[in-house]
Amino acid sequence: AEQMRERVFAYSIALPDDIGAQRWEQV
């Protein structure tokens, strides 16, 4: 649970430049 909270916090402070998309290929 503590690791999950830390991860949620890290994502919650993402800046606009940290948000994006990457090309993806999948069968």
mmCIF file of all heavy atoms, coordinates in Angstrom:
data_MODEL
# 
_entry.id   MODEL 
# 
loop_
_atom_site.group_PDB 
_atom_site.id 
_atom_site.type_symbol 
_atom_site.label_atom_id 
_atom_site.label_alt_id 
_atom_site.label_comp_id 
_atom_site.label_asym_id 
_atom_site.label_entity_id 
_atom_site.label_seq_id 
_atom_site.pdbx_PDB_ins_code 
_atom_site.Cartn_x 
_atom_site.Cartn_y 
_atom_site.Cartn_z 
_atom_site.occupancy 
_atom_site.B_iso_or_equiv 
_atom_site.pdbx_formal_charge 
_atom_site.auth_seq_id 
_atom_site.auth_comp_id 
_atom_site.auth_asym_id 
_atom_site.auth_atom_id 
_atom_site.pdbx_PDB_model_num 
ATOM 1   N N   . ALA A 1 1  ? 0.819  -1.214  0.000   1.00 0.00 ? 1  ALA A N   1 
ATOM 2   C CA  . ALA A 1 1  ? 0.000  0.000   0.000   1.00 0.00 ? 1  ALA A CA  1 
ATOM 3   C C   . ALA A 1 1  ? 0.856  1.269   0.000   1.00 0.00 ? 1  ALA A C   1 
ATOM 4   O O   . ALA A 1 1  ? 0.530  2.245   -0.692  1.00 0.00 ? 1  ALA A O   1 
ATOM 5   C CB  . ALA A 1 1  ? -0.943 -0.001  1.196   1.00 0.00 ? 1  ALA A CB  1 
ATOM 6   N N   . GLU A 1 2  ? 1.943  1.262   0.758   1.00 0.00 ? 2  GLU A N   1 
ATOM 7   C CA  . GLU A 1 2  ? 2.806  2.451   0.810   1.00 0.00 ? 2  GLU A CA  1 
ATOM 8   C C   . GLU A 1 2  ? 3.468  2.713   -0.537  1.00 0.00 ? 2  GLU A C   1 
ATOM 9   O O   . GLU A 1 2  ? 3.547  3.854   -0.995  1.00 0.00 ? 2  GLU A O   1 
ATOM 10  C CB  . GLU A 1 2  ? 3.869  2.301   1.908   1.00 0.00 ? 2  GLU A CB  1 
ATOM 11  C CG  . GLU A 1 2  ? 4.719  3.545   2.087   1.00 0.00 ? 2  GLU A CG  1 
ATOM 12  C CD  . GLU A 1 2  ? 3.936  4.786   2.473   1.00 0.00 ? 2  GLU A CD  1 
ATOM 13  O OE1 . GLU A 1 2  ? 2.893  4.674   3.136   1.00 0.00 ? 2  GLU A OE1 1 
ATOM 14  O OE2 . GLU A 1 2  ? 4.379  5.894   2.091   1.00 0.00 ? 2  GLU A OE2 1 
ATOM 15  N N   . GLN A 1 3  ? 3.916  1.672   -1.201  1.00 0.00 ? 3  GLN A N   1 
ATOM 16  C CA  . GLN A 1 3  ? 4.513  1.831   -2.535  1.00 0.00 ? 3  GLN A CA  1 
ATOM 17  C C   . GLN A 1 3  ? 3.487  2.361   -3.526  1.00 0.00 ? 3  GLN A C   1 
ATOM 18  O O   . GLN A 1 3  ? 3.806  3.196   -4.375  1.00 0.00 ? 3  GLN A O   1 
ATOM 19  C CB  . GLN A 1 3  ? 5.080  0.497   -3.026  1.00 0.00 ? 3  GLN A CB  1 
ATOM 20  C CG  . GLN A 1 3  ? 6.304  0.050   -2.266  1.00 0.00 ? 3  GLN A CG  1 
ATOM 21  C CD  . GLN A 1 3  ? 6.693  -1.376  -2.588  1.00 0.00 ? 3  GLN A CD  1 
ATOM 22  O OE1 . GLN A 1 3  ? 5.845  -2.248  -2.762  1.00 0.00 ? 3  GLN A OE1 1 
ATOM 23  N NE2 . GLN A 1 3  ? 7.992  -1.632  -2.658  1.00 0.00 ? 3  GLN A NE2 1 
ATOM 24  N N   . MET A 1 4  ? 2.253  1.875   -3.411  1.00 0.00 ? 4  MET A N   1 
ATOM 25  C CA  . MET A 1 4  ? 1.185  2.352   -4.291  1.00 0.00 ? 4  MET A CA  1 
ATOM 26  C C   . MET A 1 4  ? 0.920  3.839   -4.059  1.00 0.00 ? 4  MET A C   1 
ATOM 27  O O   . MET A 1 4  ? 0.782  4.610   -5.002  1.00 0.00 ? 4  MET A O   1 
ATOM 28  C CB  . MET A 1 4  ? -0.088 1.542   -4.076  1.00 0.00 ? 4  MET A CB  1 
ATOM 29  C CG  . MET A 1 4  ? -1.222 1.979   -4.971  1.00 0.00 ? 4  MET A CG  1 
ATOM 30  S SD  . MET A 1 4  ? -0.888 1.747   -6.722  1.00 0.00 ? 4  MET A SD  1 
ATOM 31  C CE  . MET A 1 4  ? -1.289 0.042   -6.889  1.00 0.00 ? 4  MET A CE  1 
ATOM 32  N N   . ARG A 1 5  ? 0.866  4.255   -2.798  1.00 0.00 ? 5  ARG A N   1 
ATOM 33  C CA  . ARG A 1 5  ? 0.660  5.678   -2.487  1.00 0.00 ? 5  ARG A CA  1 
ATOM 34  C C   . ARG A 1 5  ? 1.792  6.526   -3.061  1.00 0.00 ? 5  ARG A C   1 
ATOM 35  O O   . ARG A 1 5  ? 1.554  7.613   -3.594  1.00 0.00 ? 5  ARG A O   1 
ATOM 36  C CB  . ARG A 1 5  ? 0.539  5.889   -0.976  1.00 0.00 ? 5  ARG A CB  1 
ATOM 37  C CG  . ARG A 1 5  ? -0.819 5.527   -0.419  1.00 0.00 ? 5  ARG A CG  1 
ATOM 38  C CD  . ARG A 1 5  ? -0.981 5.985   1.023   1.00 0.00 ? 5  ARG A CD  1 
ATOM 39  N NE  . ARG A 1 5  ? -0.120 5.243   1.942   1.00 0.00 ? 5  ARG A NE  1 
ATOM 40  C CZ  . ARG A 1 5  ? -0.449 4.081   2.490   1.00 0.00 ? 5  ARG A CZ  1 
ATOM 41  N NH1 . ARG A 1 5  ? -1.600 3.520   2.242   1.00 0.00 ? 5  ARG A NH1 1 
ATOM 42  N NH2 . ARG A 1 5  ? 0.389  3.476   3.320   1.00 0.00 ? 5  ARG A NH2 1 
ATOM 43  N N   . GLU A 1 6  ? 3.020  6.042   -2.942  1.00 0.00 ? 6  GLU A N   1 
ATOM 44  C CA  . GLU A 1 6  ? 4.169  6.780   -3.479  1.00 0.00 ? 6  GLU A CA  1 
ATOM 45  C C   . GLU A 1 6  ? 4.080  6.908   -5.003  1.00 0.00 ? 6  GLU A C   1 
ATOM 46  O O   . GLU A 1 6  ? 4.375  7.955   -5.563  1.00 0.00 ? 6  GLU A O   1 
ATOM 47  C CB  . GLU A 1 6  ? 5.472  6.090   -3.081  1.00 0.00 ? 6  GLU A CB  1 
ATOM 48  C CG  . GLU A 1 6  ? 5.797  6.236   -1.612  1.00 0.00 ? 6  GLU A CG  1 
ATOM 49  C CD  . GLU A 1 6  ? 6.983  5.395   -1.182  1.00 0.00 ? 6  GLU A CD  1 
ATOM 50  O OE1 . GLU A 1 6  ? 7.606  4.725   -2.035  1.00 0.00 ? 6  GLU A OE1 1 
ATOM 51  O OE2 . GLU A 1 6  ? 7.292  5.407   0.024   1.00 0.00 ? 6  GLU A OE2 1 
ATOM 52  N N   . ARG A 1 7  ? 3.657  5.843   -5.649  1.00 0.00 ? 7  ARG A N   1 
ATOM 53  C CA  . ARG A 1 7  ? 3.535  5.870   -7.107  1.00 0.00 ? 7  ARG A CA  1 
ATOM 54  C C   . ARG A 1 7  ? 2.419  6.826   -7.538  1.00 0.00 ? 7  ARG A C   1 
ATOM 55  O O   . ARG A 1 7  ? 2.581  7.608   -8.469  1.00 0.00 ? 7  ARG A O   1 
ATOM 56  C CB  . ARG A 1 7  ? 3.273  4.472   -7.643  1.00 0.00 ? 7  ARG A CB  1 
ATOM 57  C CG  . ARG A 1 7  ? 3.280  4.434   -9.160  1.00 0.00 ? 7  ARG A CG  1 
ATOM 58  C CD  . ARG A 1 7  ? 3.271  3.045   -9.689  1.00 0.00 ? 7  ARG A CD  1 
ATOM 59  N NE  . ARG A 1 7  ? 4.570  2.428   -9.456  1.00 0.00 ? 7  ARG A NE  1 
ATOM 60  C CZ  . ARG A 1 7  ? 4.916  1.247   -9.897  1.00 0.00 ? 7  ARG A CZ  1 
ATOM 61  N NH1 . ARG A 1 7  ? 4.070  0.525   -10.592 1.00 0.00 ? 7  ARG A NH1 1 
ATOM 62  N NH2 . ARG A 1 7  ? 6.116  0.761   -9.659  1.00 0.00 ? 7  ARG A NH2 1 
ATOM 63  N N   . VAL A 1 8  ? 1.292  6.770   -6.837  1.00 0.00 ? 8  VAL A N   1 
ATOM 64  C CA  . VAL A 1 8  ? 0.181  7.684   -7.143  1.00 0.00 ? 8  VAL A CA  1 
ATOM 65  C C   . VAL A 1 8  ? 0.637  9.124   -6.961  1.00 0.00 ? 8  VAL A C   1 
ATOM 66  O O   . VAL A 1 8  ? 0.355  9.987   -7.792  1.00 0.00 ? 8  VAL A O   1 
ATOM 67  C CB  . VAL A 1 8  ? -1.060 7.368   -6.274  1.00 0.00 ? 8  VAL A CB  1 
ATOM 68  C CG1 . VAL A 1 8  ? -2.091 8.490   -6.343  1.00 0.00 ? 8  VAL A CG1 1 
ATOM 69  C CG2 . VAL A 1 8  ? -1.685 6.048   -6.718  1.00 0.00 ? 8  VAL A CG2 1 
ATOM 70  N N   . PHE A 1 9  ? 1.369  9.401   -5.886  1.00 0.00 ? 9  PHE A N   1 
ATOM 71  C CA  . PHE A 1 9  ? 1.872  10.755  -5.659  1.00 0.00 ? 9  PHE A CA  1 
ATOM 72  C C   . PHE A 1 9  ? 2.800  11.186  -6.796  1.00 0.00 ? 9  PHE A C   1 
ATOM 73  O O   . PHE A 1 9  ? 2.690  12.288  -7.317  1.00 0.00 ? 9  PHE A O   1 
ATOM 74  C CB  . PHE A 1 9  ? 2.605  10.860  -4.318  1.00 0.00 ? 9  PHE A CB  1 
ATOM 75  C CG  . PHE A 1 9  ? 3.268  12.194  -4.133  1.00 0.00 ? 9  PHE A CG  1 
ATOM 76  C CD1 . PHE A 1 9  ? 2.508  13.339  -3.939  1.00 0.00 ? 9  PHE A CD1 1 
ATOM 77  C CD2 . PHE A 1 9  ? 4.646  12.315  -4.189  1.00 0.00 ? 9  PHE A CD2 1 
ATOM 78  C CE1 . PHE A 1 9  ? 3.116  14.584  -3.800  1.00 0.00 ? 9  PHE A CE1 1 
ATOM 79  C CE2 . PHE A 1 9  ? 5.261  13.541  -4.042  1.00 0.00 ? 9  PHE A CE2 1 
ATOM 80  C CZ  . PHE A 1 9  ? 4.503  14.681  -3.848  1.00 0.00 ? 9  PHE A CZ  1 
ATOM 81  N N   . ALA A 1 10 ? 3.721  10.313  -7.194  1.00 0.00 ? 10 ALA A N   1 
ATOM 82  C CA  . ALA A 1 10 ? 4.659  10.651  -8.276  1.00 0.00 ? 10 ALA A CA  1 
ATOM 83  C C   . ALA A 1 10 ? 3.912  11.002  -9.558  1.00 0.00 ? 10 ALA A C   1 
ATOM 84  O O   . ALA A 1 10 ? 4.245  11.983  -10.229 1.00 0.00 ? 10 ALA A O   1 
ATOM 85  C CB  . ALA A 1 10 ? 5.622  9.491   -8.517  1.00 0.00 ? 10 ALA A CB  1 
ATOM 86  N N   . TYR A 1 11 ? 2.911  10.220  -9.907  1.00 0.00 ? 11 TYR A N   1 
ATOM 87  C CA  . TYR A 1 11 ? 2.129  10.528  -11.109 1.00 0.00 ? 11 TYR A CA  1 
ATOM 88  C C   . TYR A 1 11 ? 1.292  11.797  -10.924 1.00 0.00 ? 11 TYR A C   1 
ATOM 89  O O   . TYR A 1 11 ? 1.060  12.540  -11.861 1.00 0.00 ? 11 TYR A O   1 
ATOM 90  C CB  . TYR A 1 11 ? 1.222  9.355   -11.482 1.00 0.00 ? 11 TYR A CB  1 
ATOM 91  C CG  . TYR A 1 11 ? 1.940  8.216   -12.170 1.00 0.00 ? 11 TYR A CG  1 
ATOM 92  C CD1 . TYR A 1 11 ? 1.840  6.916   -11.684 1.00 0.00 ? 11 TYR A CD1 1 
ATOM 93  C CD2 . TYR A 1 11 ? 2.708  8.428   -13.304 1.00 0.00 ? 11 TYR A CD2 1 
ATOM 94  C CE1 . TYR A 1 11 ? 2.487  5.859   -12.319 1.00 0.00 ? 11 TYR A CE1 1 
ATOM 95  C CE2 . TYR A 1 11 ? 3.367  7.385   -13.932 1.00 0.00 ? 11 TYR A CE2 1 
ATOM 96  C CZ  . TYR A 1 11 ? 3.249  6.109   -13.445 1.00 0.00 ? 11 TYR A CZ  1 
ATOM 97  O OH  . TYR A 1 11 ? 3.891  5.076   -14.074 1.00 0.00 ? 11 TYR A OH  1 
ATOM 98  N N   . SER A 1 12 ? 0.846  12.053  -9.699  1.00 0.00 ? 12 SER A N   1 
ATOM 99  C CA  . SER A 1 12 ? -0.008 13.221  -9.467  1.00 0.00 ? 12 SER A CA  1 
ATOM 100 C C   . SER A 1 12 ? 0.730  14.545  -9.661  1.00 0.00 ? 12 SER A C   1 
ATOM 101 O O   . SER A 1 12 ? 0.102  15.578  -9.892  1.00 0.00 ? 12 SER A O   1 
ATOM 102 C CB  . SER A 1 12 ? -0.620 13.166  -8.065  1.00 0.00 ? 12 SER A CB  1 
ATOM 103 O OG  . SER A 1 12 ? 0.343  13.493  -7.071  1.00 0.00 ? 12 SER A OG  1 
ATOM 104 N N   . ILE A 1 13 ? 2.052  14.531  -9.563  1.00 0.00 ? 13 ILE A N   1 
ATOM 105 C CA  . ILE A 1 13 ? 2.820  15.772  -9.723  1.00 0.00 ? 13 ILE A CA  1 
ATOM 106 C C   . ILE A 1 13 ? 3.467  15.886  -11.102 1.00 0.00 ? 13 ILE A C   1 
ATOM 107 O O   . ILE A 1 13 ? 4.318  16.741  -11.325 1.00 0.00 ? 13 ILE A O   1 
ATOM 108 C CB  . ILE A 1 13 ? 3.883  15.923  -8.614  1.00 0.00 ? 13 ILE A CB  1 
ATOM 109 C CG1 . ILE A 1 13 ? 4.887  14.781  -8.645  1.00 0.00 ? 13 ILE A CG1 1 
ATOM 110 C CG2 . ILE A 1 13 ? 3.207  16.066  -7.244  1.00 0.00 ? 13 ILE A CG2 1 
ATOM 111 C CD1 . ILE A 1 13 ? 6.081  14.957  -7.719  1.00 0.00 ? 13 ILE A CD1 1 
ATOM 112 N N   . ALA A 1 14 ? 3.045  15.023  -12.024 1.00 0.00 ? 14 ALA A N   1 
ATOM 113 C CA  . ALA A 1 14 ? 3.596  15.076  -13.386 1.00 0.00 ? 14 ALA A CA  1 
ATOM 114 C C   . ALA A 1 14 ? 3.294  16.434  -14.023 1.00 0.00 ? 14 ALA A C   1 
ATOM 115 O O   . ALA A 1 14 ? 2.187  16.968  -13.887 1.00 0.00 ? 14 ALA A O   1 
ATOM 116 C CB  . ALA A 1 14 ? 2.996  13.959  -14.240 1.00 0.00 ? 14 ALA A CB  1 
ATOM 117 N N   . LEU A 1 15 ? 4.266  16.979  -14.692 1.00 0.00 ? 15 LEU A N   1 
ATOM 118 C CA  . LEU A 1 15 ? 4.115  18.239  -15.404 1.00 0.00 ? 15 LEU A CA  1 
ATOM 119 C C   . LEU A 1 15 ? 3.586  17.974  -16.809 1.00 0.00 ? 15 LEU A C   1 
ATOM 120 O O   . LEU A 1 15 ? 3.697  16.855  -17.317 1.00 0.00 ? 15 LEU A O   1 
ATOM 121 C CB  . LEU A 1 15 ? 5.467  18.952  -15.477 1.00 0.00 ? 15 LEU A CB  1 
ATOM 122 C CG  . LEU A 1 15 ? 6.106  19.286  -14.135 1.00 0.00 ? 15 LEU A CG  1 
ATOM 123 C CD1 . LEU A 1 15 ? 7.513  19.833  -14.340 1.00 0.00 ? 15 LEU A CD1 1 
ATOM 124 C CD2 . LEU A 1 15 ? 5.238  20.250  -13.353 1.00 0.00 ? 15 LEU A CD2 1 
ATOM 125 N N   . PRO A 1 16 ? 3.037  18.989  -17.470 1.00 0.00 ? 16 PRO A N   1 
ATOM 126 C CA  . PRO A 1 16 ? 2.540  18.786  -18.840 1.00 0.00 ? 16 PRO A CA  1 
ATOM 127 C C   . PRO A 1 16 ? 3.579  18.165  -19.774 1.00 0.00 ? 16 PRO A C   1 
ATOM 128 O O   . PRO A 1 16 ? 3.225  17.335  -20.625 1.00 0.00 ? 16 PRO A O   1 
ATOM 129 C CB  . PRO A 1 16 ? 2.149  20.195  -19.285 1.00 0.00 ? 16 PRO A CB  1 
ATOM 130 C CG  . PRO A 1 16 ? 1.756  20.880  -18.013 1.00 0.00 ? 16 PRO A CG  1 
ATOM 131 C CD  . PRO A 1 16 ? 2.725  20.340  -16.978 1.00 0.00 ? 16 PRO A CD  1 
ATOM 132 N N   . ASP A 1 17 ? 4.844  18.526  -19.608 1.00 0.00 ? 17 ASP A N   1 
ATOM 133 C CA  . ASP A 1 17 ? 5.894  17.951  -20.459 1.00 0.00 ? 17 ASP A CA  1 
ATOM 134 C C   . ASP A 1 17 ? 6.151  16.473  -20.169 1.00 0.00 ? 17 ASP A C   1 
ATOM 135 O O   . ASP A 1 17 ? 6.781  15.786  -20.966 1.00 0.00 ? 17 ASP A O   1 
ATOM 136 C CB  . ASP A 1 17 ? 7.205  18.719  -20.305 1.00 0.00 ? 17 ASP A CB  1 
ATOM 137 C CG  . ASP A 1 17 ? 7.158  20.086  -20.963 1.00 0.00 ? 17 ASP A CG  1 
ATOM 138 O OD1 . ASP A 1 17 ? 6.216  20.341  -21.748 1.00 0.00 ? 17 ASP A OD1 1 
ATOM 139 O OD2 . ASP A 1 17 ? 8.060  20.891  -20.702 1.00 0.00 ? 17 ASP A OD2 1 
ATOM 140 N N   . ASP A 1 18 ? 5.685  15.976  -19.019 1.00 0.00 ? 18 ASP A N   1 
ATOM 141 C CA  . ASP A 1 18 ? 5.862  14.570  -18.653 1.00 0.00 ? 18 ASP A CA  1 
ATOM 142 C C   . ASP A 1 18 ? 4.777  13.674  -19.244 1.00 0.00 ? 18 ASP A C   1 
ATOM 143 O O   . ASP A 1 18 ? 4.879  12.457  -19.206 1.00 0.00 ? 18 ASP A O   1 
ATOM 144 C CB  . ASP A 1 18 ? 5.836  14.407  -17.124 1.00 0.00 ? 18 ASP A CB  1 
ATOM 145 C CG  . ASP A 1 18 ? 6.947  15.169  -16.443 1.00 0.00 ? 18 ASP A CG  1 
ATOM 146 O OD1 . ASP A 1 18 ? 8.071  15.198  -16.991 1.00 0.00 ? 18 ASP A OD1 1 
ATOM 147 O OD2 . ASP A 1 18 ? 6.697  15.732  -15.360 1.00 0.00 ? 18 ASP A OD2 1 
ATOM 148 N N   . ILE A 1 19 ? 3.726  14.285  -19.762 1.00 0.00 ? 19 ILE A N   1 
ATOM 149 C CA  . ILE A 1 19 ? 2.564  13.571  -20.298 1.00 0.00 ? 19 ILE A CA  1 
ATOM 150 C C   . ILE A 1 19 ? 2.709  13.464  -21.805 1.00 0.00 ? 19 ILE A C   1 
ATOM 151 O O   . ILE A 1 19 ? 3.010  14.448  -22.474 1.00 0.00 ? 19 ILE A O   1 
ATOM 152 C CB  . ILE A 1 19 ? 1.269  14.319  -19.928 1.00 0.00 ? 19 ILE A CB  1 
ATOM 153 C CG1 . ILE A 1 19 ? 1.114  14.369  -18.411 1.00 0.00 ? 19 ILE A CG1 1 
ATOM 154 C CG2 . ILE A 1 19 ? 0.055  13.692  -20.601 1.00 0.00 ? 19 ILE A CG2 1 
ATOM 155 C CD1 . ILE A 1 19 ? 0.035  15.304  -17.930 1.00 0.00 ? 19 ILE A CD1 1 
ATOM 156 N N   . GLY A 1 20 ? 2.506  12.254  -22.338 1.00 0.00 ? 20 GLY A N   1 
ATOM 157 C CA  . GLY A 1 20 ? 2.664  12.109  -23.780 1.00 0.00 ? 20 GLY A CA  1 
ATOM 158 C C   . GLY A 1 20 ? 2.089  10.820  -24.309 1.00 0.00 ? 20 GLY A C   1 
ATOM 159 O O   . GLY A 1 20 ? 1.198  10.212  -23.713 1.00 0.00 ? 20 GLY A O   1 
ATOM 160 N N   . ALA A 1 21 ? 2.633  10.406  -25.449 1.00 0.00 ? 21 ALA A N   1 
ATOM 161 C CA  . ALA A 1 21 ? 2.217  9.175   -26.102 1.00 0.00 ? 21 ALA A CA  1 
ATOM 162 C C   . ALA A 1 21 ? 3.379  8.642   -26.915 1.00 0.00 ? 21 ALA A C   1 
ATOM 163 O O   . ALA A 1 21 ? 4.235  9.407   -27.366 1.00 0.00 ? 21 ALA A O   1 
ATOM 164 C CB  . ALA A 1 21 ? 1.017  9.437   -27.006 1.00 0.00 ? 21 ALA A CB  1 
ATOM 165 N N   . GLN A 1 22 ? 3.412  7.339   -27.074 1.00 0.00 ? 22 GLN A N   1 
ATOM 166 C CA  . GLN A 1 22 ? 4.445  6.698   -27.883 1.00 0.00 ? 22 GLN A CA  1 
ATOM 167 C C   . GLN A 1 22 ? 3.770  5.777   -28.890 1.00 0.00 ? 22 GLN A C   1 
ATOM 168 O O   . GLN A 1 22 ? 2.701  5.236   -28.625 1.00 0.00 ? 22 GLN A O   1 
ATOM 169 C CB  . GLN A 1 22 ? 5.377  5.873   -27.002 1.00 0.00 ? 22 GLN A CB  1 
ATOM 170 C CG  . GLN A 1 22 ? 6.201  6.680   -26.050 1.00 0.00 ? 22 GLN A CG  1 
ATOM 171 C CD  . GLN A 1 22 ? 7.051  5.789   -25.135 1.00 0.00 ? 22 GLN A CD  1 
ATOM 172 O OE1 . GLN A 1 22 ? 6.962  4.579   -25.153 1.00 0.00 ? 22 GLN A OE1 1 
ATOM 173 N NE2 . GLN A 1 22 ? 7.875  6.433   -24.324 1.00 0.00 ? 22 GLN A NE2 1 
ATOM 174 N N   . ARG A 1 23 ? 4.439  5.609   -30.024 1.00 0.00 ? 23 ARG A N   1 
ATOM 175 C CA  . ARG A 1 23 ? 3.949  4.654   -31.019 1.00 0.00 ? 23 ARG A CA  1 
ATOM 176 C C   . ARG A 1 23 ? 3.941  3.272   -30.394 1.00 0.00 ? 23 ARG A C   1 
ATOM 177 O O   . ARG A 1 23 ? 4.796  2.945   -29.577 1.00 0.00 ? 23 ARG A O   1 
ATOM 178 C CB  . ARG A 1 23 ? 4.838  4.657   -32.268 1.00 0.00 ? 23 ARG A CB  1 
ATOM 179 C CG  . ARG A 1 23 ? 4.781  5.934   -33.068 1.00 0.00 ? 23 ARG A CG  1 
ATOM 180 C CD  . ARG A 1 23 ? 3.455  6.235   -33.684 1.00 0.00 ? 23 ARG A CD  1 
ATOM 181 N NE  . ARG A 1 23 ? 3.169  5.333   -34.802 1.00 0.00 ? 23 ARG A NE  1 
ATOM 182 C CZ  . ARG A 1 23 ? 1.997  5.226   -35.389 1.00 0.00 ? 23 ARG A CZ  1 
ATOM 183 N NH1 . ARG A 1 23 ? 0.987  5.958   -34.987 1.00 0.00 ? 23 ARG A NH1 1 
ATOM 184 N NH2 . ARG A 1 23 ? 1.814  4.402   -36.377 1.00 0.00 ? 23 ARG A NH2 1 
ATOM 185 N N   . TRP A 1 24 ? 2.973  2.444   -30.793 1.00 0.00 ? 24 TRP A N   1 
ATOM 186 C CA  . TRP A 1 24 ? 2.836  1.119   -30.221 1.00 0.00 ? 24 TRP A CA  1 
ATOM 187 C C   . TRP A 1 24 ? 2.383  0.156   -31.294 1.00 0.00 ? 24 TRP A C   1 
ATOM 188 O O   . TRP A 1 24 ? 1.526  0.488   -32.104 1.00 0.00 ? 24 TRP A O   1 
ATOM 189 C CB  . TRP A 1 24 ? 1.800  1.172   -29.103 1.00 0.00 ? 24 TRP A CB  1 
ATOM 190 C CG  . TRP A 1 24 ? 1.800  -0.018  -28.210 1.00 0.00 ? 24 TRP A CG  1 
ATOM 191 C CD1 . TRP A 1 24 ? 0.996  -1.112  -28.303 1.00 0.00 ? 24 TRP A CD1 1 
ATOM 192 C CD2 . TRP A 1 24 ? 2.628  -0.240  -27.076 1.00 0.00 ? 24 TRP A CD2 1 
ATOM 193 N NE1 . TRP A 1 24 ? 1.271  -1.996  -27.310 1.00 0.00 ? 24 TRP A NE1 1 
ATOM 194 C CE2 . TRP A 1 24 ? 2.277  -1.479  -26.535 1.00 0.00 ? 24 TRP A CE2 1 
ATOM 195 C CE3 . TRP A 1 24 ? 3.643  0.495   -26.478 1.00 0.00 ? 24 TRP A CE3 1 
ATOM 196 C CZ2 . TRP A 1 24 ? 2.907  -2.007  -25.401 1.00 0.00 ? 24 TRP A CZ2 1 
ATOM 197 C CZ3 . TRP A 1 24 ? 4.258  -0.028  -25.362 1.00 0.00 ? 24 TRP A CZ3 1 
ATOM 198 C CH2 . TRP A 1 24 ? 3.895  -1.263  -24.832 1.00 0.00 ? 24 TRP A CH2 1 
ATOM 199 N N   . GLU A 1 25 ? 2.966  -1.014  -31.289 1.00 0.00 ? 25 GLU A N   1 
ATOM 200 C CA  . GLU A 1 25 ? 2.549  -2.065  -32.213 1.00 0.00 ? 25 GLU A CA  1 
ATOM 201 C C   . GLU A 1 25 ? 2.156  -3.288  -31.404 1.00 0.00 ? 25 GLU A C   1 
ATOM 202 O O   . GLU A 1 25 ? 2.800  -3.615  -30.414 1.00 0.00 ? 25 GLU A O   1 
ATOM 203 C CB  . GLU A 1 25 ? 3.680  -2.423  -33.170 1.00 0.00 ? 25 GLU A CB  1 
ATOM 204 C CG  . GLU A 1 25 ? 4.038  -1.302  -34.117 1.00 0.00 ? 25 GLU A CG  1 
ATOM 205 C CD  . GLU A 1 25 ? 5.146  -1.681  -35.088 1.00 0.00 ? 25 GLU A CD  1 
ATOM 206 O OE1 . GLU A 1 25 ? 5.801  -2.726  -34.884 1.00 0.00 ? 25 GLU A OE1 1 
ATOM 207 O OE2 . GLU A 1 25 ? 5.352  -0.925  -36.043 1.00 0.00 ? 25 GLU A OE2 1 
ATOM 208 N N   . GLN A 1 26 ? 1.095  -3.944  -31.867 1.00 0.00 ? 26 GLN A N   1 
ATOM 209 C CA  . GLN A 1 26 ? 0.564  -5.074  -31.121 1.00 0.00 ? 26 GLN A CA  1 
ATOM 210 C C   . GLN A 1 26 ? -0.141 -6.020  -32.105 1.00 0.00 ? 26 GLN A C   1 
ATOM 211 O O   . GLN A 1 26 ? -0.781 -5.554  -33.051 1.00 0.00 ? 26 GLN A O   1 
ATOM 212 C CB  . GLN A 1 26 ? -0.433 -4.511  -30.112 1.00 0.00 ? 26 GLN A CB  1 
ATOM 213 C CG  . GLN A 1 26 ? -0.983 -5.437  -29.102 1.00 0.00 ? 26 GLN A CG  1 
ATOM 214 C CD  . GLN A 1 26 ? -1.853 -4.661  -28.127 1.00 0.00 ? 26 GLN A CD  1 
ATOM 215 O OE1 . GLN A 1 26 ? -2.780 -3.970  -28.538 1.00 0.00 ? 26 GLN A OE1 1 
ATOM 216 N NE2 . GLN A 1 26 ? -1.556 -4.767  -26.851 1.00 0.00 ? 26 GLN A NE2 1 
ATOM 217 N N   . VAL A 1 27 ? -0.033 -7.310  -31.876 1.00 0.00 ? 27 VAL A N   1 
ATOM 218 C CA  . VAL A 1 27 ? -0.762 -8.265  -32.710 1.00 0.00 ? 27 VAL A CA  1 
ATOM 219 C C   . VAL A 1 27 ? -2.159 -8.431  -32.126 1.00 0.00 ? 27 VAL A C   1 
ATOM 220 O O   . VAL A 1 27 ? -2.314 -8.751  -30.944 1.00 0.00 ? 27 VAL A O   1 
ATOM 221 C CB  . VAL A 1 27 ? -0.032 -9.624  -32.780 1.00 0.00 ? 27 VAL A CB  1 
ATOM 222 C CG1 . VAL A 1 27 ? -0.862 -10.629 -33.566 1.00 0.00 ? 27 VAL A CG1 1 
ATOM 223 C CG2 . VAL A 1 27 ? 1.340  -9.445  -33.404 1.00 0.00 ? 27 VAL A CG2 1 
# 
